[in-house]
């Protein structure tokens, strides 16, 4: 799922469904596009998880561009940021 200004409406719907299902860990898959609008959407989703009493965490692929942007924006200071376990060979996460 891309988390960019051009796909923000679709991404918002997807995140709302995850939050409504009780999910606390939001995963940004390897190769997923992330821009400032998408980072803001993830931050808002994490706040919504907190508001319903959950403990939010955002999980990224190691060394991915999305993680680099998240850190450049300083968002790892505000929300638990995790590195996803590497995918088994031949599988993408």
PDB file of N, CA and C in Angstrom:
ATOM      1  N   UNK A   1       0.852  -1.180   0.000  1.00  0.00           N
ATOM      2  CA  UNK A   1       0.000   0.000   0.000  1.00  0.00           C
ATOM      3  C   UNK A   1       0.893   1.238   0.000  1.00  0.00           C
ATOM      4  N   UNK A   2       0.659   2.118  -0.935  1.00  0.00           N
ATOM      5  CA  UNK A   2       1.386   3.381  -0.981  1.00  0.00           C
ATOM      6  C   UNK A   2       0.777   4.349   0.028  1.00  0.00           C
ATOM      7  N   UNK A   3       1.631   5.073   0.689  1.00  0.00           N
ATOM      8  CA  UNK A   3       1.203   6.104   1.641  1.00  0.00           C
ATOM      9  C   UNK A   3       1.702   7.445   1.107  1.00  0.00           C
ATOM     10  N   UNK A   4       1.049   7.891   0.043  1.00  0.00           N
ATOM     11  CA  UNK A   4       1.440   9.137  -0.609  1.00  0.00           C
ATOM     12  C   UNK A   4       0.206  10.001  -0.835  1.00  0.00           C
ATOM     13  N   UNK A   5       0.434  11.253  -1.135  1.00  0.00           N
ATOM     14  CA  UNK A   5      -0.667  12.195  -1.328  1.00  0.00           C
ATOM     15  C   UNK A   5      -1.632  11.689  -2.401  1.00  0.00           C
ATOM     16  N   UNK A   6      -1.106  11.039  -3.437  1.00  0.00           N
ATOM     17  CA  UNK A   6      -1.979  10.588  -4.528  1.00  0.00           C
ATOM     18  C   UNK A   6      -2.846   9.384  -4.151  1.00  0.00           C
ATOM     19  N   UNK A   7      -2.489   8.688  -3.092  1.00  0.00           N
ATOM     20  CA  UNK A   7      -3.273   7.513  -2.685  1.00  0.00           C
ATOM     21  C   UNK A   7      -3.776   7.633  -1.249  1.00  0.00           C
ATOM     22  N   UNK A   8      -3.820   8.853  -0.737  1.00  0.00           N
ATOM     23  CA  UNK A   8      -4.113   9.056   0.680  1.00  0.00           C
ATOM     24  C   UNK A   8      -5.511   8.581   1.069  1.00  0.00           C
ATOM     25  N   UNK A   9      -6.488   8.762   0.198  1.00  0.00           N
ATOM     26  CA  UNK A   9      -7.858   8.356   0.530  1.00  0.00           C
ATOM     27  C   UNK A   9      -7.948   6.837   0.684  1.00  0.00           C
ATOM     28  N   UNK A  10      -7.361   6.115  -0.234  1.00  0.00           N
ATOM     29  CA  UNK A  10      -7.351   4.650  -0.154  1.00  0.00           C
ATOM     30  C   UNK A  10      -6.575   4.179   1.083  1.00  0.00           C
ATOM     31  N   UNK A  11      -5.424   4.792   1.324  1.00  0.00           N
ATOM     32  CA  UNK A  11      -4.607   4.419   2.484  1.00  0.00           C
ATOM     33  C   UNK A  11      -5.345   4.706   3.787  1.00  0.00           C
ATOM     34  N   UNK A  12      -6.050   5.831   3.847  1.00  0.00           N
ATOM     35  CA  UNK A  12      -6.803   6.186   5.057  1.00  0.00           C
ATOM     36  C   UNK A  12      -7.876   5.142   5.342  1.00  0.00           C
ATOM     37  N   UNK A  13      -8.572   4.704   4.315  1.00  0.00           N
ATOM     38  CA  UNK A  13      -9.592   3.679   4.495  1.00  0.00           C
ATOM     39  C   UNK A  13      -8.998   2.369   5.002  1.00  0.00           C
ATOM     40  N   UNK A  14      -7.859   2.009   4.459  1.00  0.00           N
ATOM     41  CA  UNK A  14      -7.177   0.783   4.871  1.00  0.00           C
ATOM     42  C   UNK A  14      -6.752   0.874   6.338  1.00  0.00           C
ATOM     43  N   UNK A  15      -6.163   2.006   6.726  1.00  0.00           N
ATOM     44  CA  UNK A  15      -5.718   2.182   8.114  1.00  0.00           C
ATOM     45  C   UNK A  15      -6.898   2.221   9.083  1.00  0.00           C
ATOM     46  N   UNK A  16      -7.990   2.868   8.684  1.00  0.00           N
ATOM     47  CA  UNK A  16      -9.188   2.899   9.545  1.00  0.00           C
ATOM     48  C   UNK A  16      -9.693   1.492   9.816  1.00  0.00           C
ATOM     49  N   UNK A  17      -9.687   0.653   8.791  1.00  0.00           N
ATOM     50  CA  UNK A  17     -10.134  -0.732   8.962  1.00  0.00           C
ATOM     51  C   UNK A  17      -9.206  -1.490   9.912  1.00  0.00           C
ATOM     52  N   UNK A  18      -7.903  -1.264   9.793  1.00  0.00           N
ATOM     53  CA  UNK A  18      -6.950  -1.918  10.689  1.00  0.00           C
ATOM     54  C   UNK A  18      -7.186  -1.482  12.133  1.00  0.00           C
ATOM     55  N   UNK A  19      -7.381  -0.199  12.339  1.00  0.00           N
ATOM     56  CA  UNK A  19      -7.602   0.335  13.686  1.00  0.00           C
ATOM     57  C   UNK A  19      -8.901  -0.215  14.261  1.00  0.00           C
ATOM     58  N   UNK A  20      -9.958  -0.220  13.453  1.00  0.00           N
ATOM     59  CA  UNK A  20     -11.263  -0.717  13.908  1.00  0.00           C
ATOM     60  C   UNK A  20     -11.202  -2.193  14.292  1.00  0.00           C
ATOM     61  N   UNK A  21     -10.309  -2.943  13.657  1.00  0.00           N
ATOM     62  CA  UNK A  21     -10.188  -4.373  13.962  1.00  0.00           C
ATOM     63  C   UNK A  21      -9.357  -4.627  15.217  1.00  0.00           C
ATOM     64  N   UNK A  22      -8.839  -3.551  15.814  1.00  0.00           N
ATOM     65  CA  UNK A  22      -8.068  -3.695  17.046  1.00  0.00           C
ATOM     66  C   UNK A  22      -6.574  -3.824  16.845  1.00  0.00           C
ATOM     67  N   UNK A  23      -6.128  -3.661  15.628  1.00  0.00           N
ATOM     68  CA  UNK A  23      -4.701  -3.776  15.338  1.00  0.00           C
ATOM     69  C   UNK A  23      -3.946  -2.587  15.927  1.00  0.00           C
ATOM     70  N   UNK A  24      -2.836  -2.854  16.621  1.00  0.00           N
ATOM     71  CA  UNK A  24      -2.010  -1.793  17.203  1.00  0.00           C
ATOM     72  C   UNK A  24      -0.719  -1.556  16.431  1.00  0.00           C
ATOM     73  N   UNK A  25      -0.262  -2.548  15.682  1.00  0.00           N
ATOM     74  CA  UNK A  25       0.983  -2.427  14.926  1.00  0.00           C
ATOM     75  C   UNK A  25       0.636  -2.197  13.461  1.00  0.00           C
ATOM     76  N   UNK A  26       1.092  -1.073  12.937  1.00  0.00           N
ATOM     77  CA  UNK A  26       0.866  -0.734  11.531  1.00  0.00           C
ATOM     78  C   UNK A  26       2.168  -0.995  10.781  1.00  0.00           C
ATOM     79  N   UNK A  27       2.096  -1.767   9.716  1.00  0.00           N
ATOM     80  CA  UNK A  27       3.293  -2.173   8.990  1.00  0.00           C
ATOM     81  C   UNK A  27       3.380  -1.460   7.651  1.00  0.00           C
ATOM     82  N   UNK A  28       4.554  -0.883   7.401  1.00  0.00           N
ATOM     83  CA  UNK A  28       4.859  -0.283   6.103  1.00  0.00           C
ATOM     84  C   UNK A  28       5.772  -1.282   5.397  1.00  0.00           C
ATOM     85  N   UNK A  29       5.269  -1.890   4.358  1.00  0.00           N
ATOM     86  CA  UNK A  29       6.002  -2.964   3.676  1.00  0.00           C
ATOM     87  C   UNK A  29       7.201  -2.434   2.892  1.00  0.00           C
ATOM     88  N   UNK A  30       8.168  -3.314   2.695  1.00  0.00           N
ATOM     89  CA  UNK A  30       9.362  -2.973   1.911  1.00  0.00           C
ATOM     90  C   UNK A  30       8.926  -2.478   0.536  1.00  0.00           C
ATOM     91  N   UNK A  31       9.501  -1.379   0.119  1.00  0.00           N
ATOM     92  CA  UNK A  31       9.198  -0.823  -1.189  1.00  0.00           C
ATOM     93  C   UNK A  31       7.962   0.051  -1.237  1.00  0.00           C
ATOM     94  N   UNK A  32       7.215   0.139  -0.133  1.00  0.00           N
ATOM     95  CA  UNK A  32       6.018   0.992  -0.115  1.00  0.00           C
ATOM     96  C   UNK A  32       6.446   2.453  -0.181  1.00  0.00           C
ATOM     97  N   UNK A  33       5.769   3.209  -1.010  1.00  0.00           N
ATOM     98  CA  UNK A  33       6.065   4.632  -1.130  1.00  0.00           C
ATOM     99  C   UNK A  33       5.498   5.369   0.077  1.00  0.00           C
ATOM    100  N   UNK A  34       6.283   6.288   0.620  1.00  0.00           N
ATOM    101  CA  UNK A  34       5.858   7.112   1.746  1.00  0.00           C
ATOM    102  C   UNK A  34       6.328   8.527   1.490  1.00  0.00           C
ATOM    103  N   UNK A  35       5.408   9.483   1.608  1.00  0.00           N
ATOM    104  CA  UNK A  35       5.787  10.888   1.548  1.00  0.00           C
ATOM    105  C   UNK A  35       5.302  11.554   2.830  1.00  0.00           C
ATOM    106  N   UNK A  36       5.465  12.872   2.920  1.00  0.00           N
ATOM    107  CA  UNK A  36       5.089  13.582   4.150  1.00  0.00           C
ATOM    108  C   UNK A  36       3.606  13.418   4.469  1.00  0.00           C
ATOM    109  N   UNK A  37       2.754  13.400   3.449  1.00  0.00           N
ATOM    110  CA  UNK A  37       1.316  13.209   3.688  1.00  0.00           C
ATOM    111  C   UNK A  37       1.052  11.823   4.268  1.00  0.00           C
ATOM    112  N   UNK A  38       1.725  10.819   3.750  1.00  0.00           N
ATOM    113  CA  UNK A  38       1.568   9.462   4.263  1.00  0.00           C
ATOM    114  C   UNK A  38       2.099   9.323   5.680  1.00  0.00           C
ATOM    115  N   UNK A  39       3.213   9.988   5.969  1.00  0.00           N
ATOM    116  CA  UNK A  39       3.763   9.961   7.326  1.00  0.00           C
ATOM    117  C   UNK A  39       2.790  10.615   8.300  1.00  0.00           C
ATOM    118  N   UNK A  40       2.174  11.705   7.871  1.00  0.00           N
ATOM    119  CA  UNK A  40       1.177  12.374   8.712  1.00  0.00           C
ATOM    120  C   UNK A  40      -0.025  11.455   8.944  1.00  0.00           C
ATOM    121  N   UNK A  41      -0.441  10.743   7.915  1.00  0.00           N
ATOM    122  CA  UNK A  41      -1.552   9.803   8.053  1.00  0.00           C
ATOM    123  C   UNK A  41      -1.200   8.687   9.041  1.00  0.00           C
ATOM    124  N   UNK A  42       0.018   8.141   8.947  1.00  0.00           N
ATOM    125  CA  UNK A  42       0.452   7.116   9.895  1.00  0.00           C
ATOM    126  C   UNK A  42       0.468   7.655  11.324  1.00  0.00           C
ATOM    127  N   UNK A  43       0.960   8.882  11.492  1.00  0.00           N
ATOM    128  CA  UNK A  43       0.987   9.497  12.823  1.00  0.00           C
ATOM    129  C   UNK A  43      -0.433   9.662  13.357  1.00  0.00           C
ATOM    130  N   UNK A  44      -1.354  10.092  12.509  1.00  0.00           N
ATOM    131  CA  UNK A  44      -2.759  10.237  12.922  1.00  0.00           C
ATOM    132  C   UNK A  44      -3.358   8.886  13.299  1.00  0.00           C
ATOM    133  N   UNK A  45      -3.014   7.854  12.539  1.00  0.00           N
ATOM    134  CA  UNK A  45      -3.505   6.510  12.848  1.00  0.00           C
ATOM    135  C   UNK A  45      -2.964   6.043  14.197  1.00  0.00           C
ATOM    136  N   UNK A  46      -1.698   6.328  14.464  1.00  0.00           N
ATOM    137  CA  UNK A  46      -1.112   5.954  15.756  1.00  0.00           C
ATOM    138  C   UNK A  46      -1.816   6.680  16.897  1.00  0.00           C
ATOM    139  N   UNK A  47      -2.143   7.947  16.693  1.00  0.00           N
ATOM    140  CA  UNK A  47      -2.879   8.698  17.718  1.00  0.00           C
ATOM    141  C   UNK A  47      -4.272   8.108  17.935  1.00  0.00           C
ATOM    142  N   UNK A  48      -4.912   7.653  16.865  1.00  0.00           N
ATOM    143  CA  UNK A  48      -6.236   7.028  16.986  1.00  0.00           C
ATOM    144  C   UNK A  48      -6.149   5.721  17.775  1.00  0.00           C
ATOM    145  N   UNK A  49      -5.076   4.976  17.571  1.00  0.00           N
ATOM    146  CA  UNK A  49      -4.870   3.742  18.335  1.00  0.00           C
ATOM    147  C   UNK A  49      -4.719   4.078  19.814  1.00  0.00           C
ATOM    148  N   UNK A  50      -3.948   5.109  20.112  1.00  0.00           N
ATOM    149  CA  UNK A  50      -3.780   5.551  21.508  1.00  0.00           C
ATOM    150  C   UNK A  50      -5.104   5.987  22.107  1.00  0.00           C
ATOM    151  N   UNK A  51      -5.905   6.705  21.334  1.00  0.00           N
ATOM    152  CA  UNK A  51      -7.188   7.221  21.826  1.00  0.00           C
ATOM    153  C   UNK A  51      -8.149   6.091  22.190  1.00  0.00           C
ATOM    154  N   UNK A  52      -8.043   4.948  21.516  1.00  0.00           N
ATOM    155  CA  UNK A  52      -8.914   3.826  21.858  1.00  0.00           C
ATOM    156  C   UNK A  52      -8.285   2.921  22.913  1.00  0.00           C
ATOM    157  N   UNK A  53      -7.141   3.358  23.470  1.00  0.00           N
ATOM    158  CA  UNK A  53      -6.512   2.622  24.565  1.00  0.00           C
ATOM    159  C   UNK A  53      -5.438   1.640  24.148  1.00  0.00           C
ATOM    160  N   UNK A  54      -5.090   1.650  22.876  1.00  0.00           N
ATOM    161  CA  UNK A  54      -4.051   0.742  22.387  1.00  0.00           C
ATOM    162  C   UNK A  54      -2.663   1.336  22.547  1.00  0.00           C
ATOM    163  N   UNK A  55      -1.672   0.535  22.247  1.00  0.00           N
ATOM    164  CA  UNK A  55      -0.275   0.966  22.264  1.00  0.00           C
ATOM    165  C   UNK A  55       0.238   0.879  20.832  1.00  0.00           C
ATOM    166  N   UNK A  56       0.267   2.009  20.127  1.00  0.00           N
ATOM    167  CA  UNK A  56       0.620   1.965  18.708  1.00  0.00           C
ATOM    168  C   UNK A  56       2.106   1.722  18.465  1.00  0.00           C
ATOM    169  N   UNK A  57       2.384   1.063  17.360  1.00  0.00           N
ATOM    170  CA  UNK A  57       3.750   0.893  16.875  1.00  0.00           C
ATOM    171  C   UNK A  57       3.690   0.899  15.353  1.00  0.00           C
ATOM    172  N   UNK A  58       4.721   1.464  14.766  1.00  0.00           N
ATOM    173  CA  UNK A  58       4.834   1.482  13.312  1.00  0.00           C
ATOM    174  C   UNK A  58       6.030   0.607  12.963  1.00  0.00           C
ATOM    175  N   UNK A  59       5.817  -0.346  12.067  1.00  0.00           N
ATOM    176  CA  UNK A  59       6.855  -1.311  11.711  1.00  0.00           C
ATOM    177  C   UNK A  59       7.292  -1.074  10.267  1.00  0.00           C
ATOM    178  N   UNK A  60       8.605  -0.995  10.079  1.00  0.00           N
ATOM    179  CA  UNK A  60       9.181  -0.720   8.763  1.00  0.00           C
ATOM    180  C   UNK A  60      10.178  -1.805   8.381  1.00  0.00           C
ATOM    181  N   UNK A  61      10.406  -1.945   7.087  1.00  0.00           N
ATOM    182  CA  UNK A  61      11.486  -2.794   6.604  1.00  0.00           C
ATOM    183  C   UNK A  61      12.810  -2.105   6.938  1.00  0.00           C
ATOM    184  N   UNK A  62      13.797  -2.900   7.287  1.00  0.00           N
ATOM    185  CA  UNK A  62      15.102  -2.362   7.650  1.00  0.00           C
ATOM    186  C   UNK A  62      15.722  -1.610   6.474  1.00  0.00           C
ATOM    187  N   UNK A  63      16.248  -0.425   6.760  1.00  0.00           N
ATOM    188  CA  UNK A  63      16.957   0.411   5.783  1.00  0.00           C
ATOM    189  C   UNK A  63      16.114   0.860   4.600  1.00  0.00           C
ATOM    190  N   UNK A  64      14.799   0.758   4.688  1.00  0.00           N
ATOM    191  CA  UNK A  64      13.943   1.194   3.589  1.00  0.00           C
ATOM    192  C   UNK A  64      13.813   2.708   3.537  1.00  0.00           C
ATOM    193  N   UNK A  65      13.434   3.219   2.380  1.00  0.00           N
ATOM    194  CA  UNK A  65      13.259   4.661   2.215  1.00  0.00           C
ATOM    195  C   UNK A  65      12.166   5.207   3.124  1.00  0.00           C
ATOM    196  N   UNK A  66      11.109   4.422   3.353  1.00  0.00           N
ATOM    197  CA  UNK A  66      10.021   4.877   4.223  1.00  0.00           C
ATOM    198  C   UNK A  66      10.533   5.110   5.642  1.00  0.00           C
ATOM    199  N   UNK A  67      11.344   4.192   6.146  1.00  0.00           N
ATOM    200  CA  UNK A  67      11.915   4.344   7.489  1.00  0.00           C
ATOM    201  C   UNK A  67      12.816   5.570   7.551  1.00  0.00           C
ATOM    202  N   UNK A  68      13.599   5.776   6.512  1.00  0.00           N
ATOM    203  CA  UNK A  68      14.504   6.935   6.483  1.00  0.00           C
ATOM    204  C   UNK A  68      13.715   8.239   6.564  1.00  0.00           C
ATOM    205  N   UNK A  69      12.615   8.338   5.817  1.00  0.00           N
ATOM    206  CA  UNK A  69      11.793   9.550   5.869  1.00  0.00           C
ATOM    207  C   UNK A  69      11.163   9.704   7.249  1.00  0.00           C
ATOM    208  N   UNK A  70      10.618   8.629   7.799  1.00  0.00           N
ATOM    209  CA  UNK A  70       9.997   8.649   9.133  1.00  0.00           C
ATOM    210  C   UNK A  70      10.979   9.238  10.153  1.00  0.00           C
ATOM    211  N   UNK A  71      12.234   8.780  10.073  1.00  0.00           N
ATOM    212  CA  UNK A  71      13.258   9.271  11.005  1.00  0.00           C
ATOM    213  C   UNK A  71      13.639  10.720  10.711  1.00  0.00           C
ATOM    214  N   UNK A  72      13.749  11.076   9.437  1.00  0.00           N
ATOM    215  CA  UNK A  72      14.082  12.473   9.088  1.00  0.00           C
ATOM    216  C   UNK A  72      13.035  13.433   9.613  1.00  0.00           C
ATOM    217  N   UNK A  73      11.789  12.989   9.630  1.00  0.00           N
ATOM    218  CA  UNK A  73      10.705  13.827  10.151  1.00  0.00           C
ATOM    219  C   UNK A  73      10.651  13.812  11.680  1.00  0.00           C
ATOM    220  N   UNK A  74      11.474  12.985  12.299  1.00  0.00           N
ATOM    221  CA  UNK A  74      11.536  12.918  13.755  1.00  0.00           C
ATOM    222  C   UNK A  74      10.396  12.146  14.393  1.00  0.00           C
ATOM    223  N   UNK A  75       9.658  11.395  13.604  1.00  0.00           N
ATOM    224  CA  UNK A  75       8.475  10.719  14.130  1.00  0.00           C
ATOM    225  C   UNK A  75       8.808   9.508  14.996  1.00  0.00           C
ATOM    226  N   UNK A  76      10.034   8.974  14.861  1.00  0.00           N
ATOM    227  CA  UNK A  76      10.415   7.863  15.740  1.00  0.00           C
ATOM    228  C   UNK A  76      10.572   8.334  17.179  1.00  0.00           C
ATOM    229  N   UNK A  77      10.653   9.658  17.379  1.00  0.00           N
ATOM    230  CA  UNK A  77      10.715  10.237  18.725  1.00  0.00           C
ATOM    231  C   UNK A  77       9.339  10.214  19.391  1.00  0.00           C
ATOM    232  N   UNK A  78       8.287  10.177  18.590  1.00  0.00           N
ATOM    233  CA  UNK A  78       6.923  10.270  19.111  1.00  0.00           C
ATOM    234  C   UNK A  78       6.209   8.931  19.201  1.00  0.00           C
ATOM    235  N   UNK A  79       6.573   8.002  18.332  1.00  0.00           N
ATOM    236  CA  UNK A  79       5.863   6.731  18.249  1.00  0.00           C
ATOM    237  C   UNK A  79       6.859   5.579  18.256  1.00  0.00           C
ATOM    238  N   UNK A  80       6.450   4.467  18.863  1.00  0.00           N
ATOM    239  CA  UNK A  80       7.311   3.290  18.836  1.00  0.00           C
ATOM    240  C   UNK A  80       7.523   2.892  17.381  1.00  0.00           C
ATOM    241  N   UNK A  81       8.773   2.769  17.013  1.00  0.00           N
ATOM    242  CA  UNK A  81       9.140   2.425  15.646  1.00  0.00           C
ATOM    243  C   UNK A  81       9.896   1.107  15.682  1.00  0.00           C
ATOM    244  N   UNK A  82       9.414   0.142  14.943  1.00  0.00           N
ATOM    245  CA  UNK A  82      10.014  -1.196  14.930  1.00  0.00           C
ATOM    246  C   UNK A  82      10.574  -1.521  13.556  1.00  0.00           C
ATOM    247  N   UNK A  83      11.558  -2.397  13.569  1.00  0.00           N
ATOM    248  CA  UNK A  83      12.095  -2.933  12.326  1.00  0.00           C
ATOM    249  C   UNK A  83      11.508  -4.334  12.161  1.00  0.00           C
ATOM    250  N   UNK A  84      10.900  -4.578  11.014  1.00  0.00           N
ATOM    251  CA  UNK A  84      10.281  -5.880  10.741  1.00  0.00           C
ATOM    252  C   UNK A  84      11.349  -6.957  10.639  1.00  0.00           C
ATOM    253  N   UNK A  85      11.001  -8.153  11.069  1.00  0.00           N
ATOM    254  CA  UNK A  85      11.891  -9.291  10.862  1.00  0.00           C
ATOM    255  C   UNK A  85      12.075  -9.463   9.365  1.00  0.00           C
ATOM    256  N   UNK A  86      13.273  -9.847   8.951  1.00  0.00           N
ATOM    257  CA  UNK A  86      13.471 -10.064   7.509  1.00  0.00           C
ATOM    258  C   UNK A  86      12.513 -11.134   6.995  1.00  0.00           C
ATOM    259  N   UNK A  87      12.041 -10.926   5.784  1.00  0.00           N
ATOM    260  CA  UNK A  87      11.142 -11.905   5.161  1.00  0.00           C
ATOM    261  C   UNK A  87      11.947 -13.145   4.783  1.00  0.00           C
ATOM    262  N   UNK A  88      11.318 -14.301   4.847  1.00  0.00           N
ATOM    263  CA  UNK A  88      12.005 -15.510   4.369  1.00  0.00           C
ATOM    264  C   UNK A  88      12.407 -15.336   2.906  1.00  0.00           C
ATOM    265  N   UNK A  89      13.444 -16.015   2.504  1.00  0.00           N
ATOM    266  CA  UNK A  89      13.941 -15.885   1.137  1.00  0.00           C
ATOM    267  C   UNK A  89      12.824 -16.132   0.132  1.00  0.00           C
ATOM    268  N   UNK A  90      12.726 -15.241  -0.844  1.00  0.00           N
ATOM    269  CA  UNK A  90      11.707 -15.359  -1.877  1.00  0.00           C
ATOM    270  C   UNK A  90      10.388 -14.706  -1.526  1.00  0.00           C
ATOM    271  N   UNK A  91      10.285 -14.168  -0.313  1.00  0.00           N
ATOM    272  CA  UNK A  91       9.057 -13.523   0.153  1.00  0.00           C
ATOM    273  C   UNK A  91       9.350 -12.053   0.412  1.00  0.00           C
ATOM    274  N   UNK A  92       8.373 -11.199   0.186  1.00  0.00           N
ATOM    275  CA  UNK A  92       8.560  -9.771   0.428  1.00  0.00           C
ATOM    276  C   UNK A  92       7.708  -9.329   1.599  1.00  0.00           C
ATOM    277  N   UNK A  93       8.272  -8.452   2.453  1.00  0.00           N
ATOM    278  CA  UNK A  93       7.513  -7.881   3.579  1.00  0.00           C
ATOM    279  C   UNK A  93       7.423  -6.407   3.452  1.00  0.00           C
TER     280      UNK A  93
END
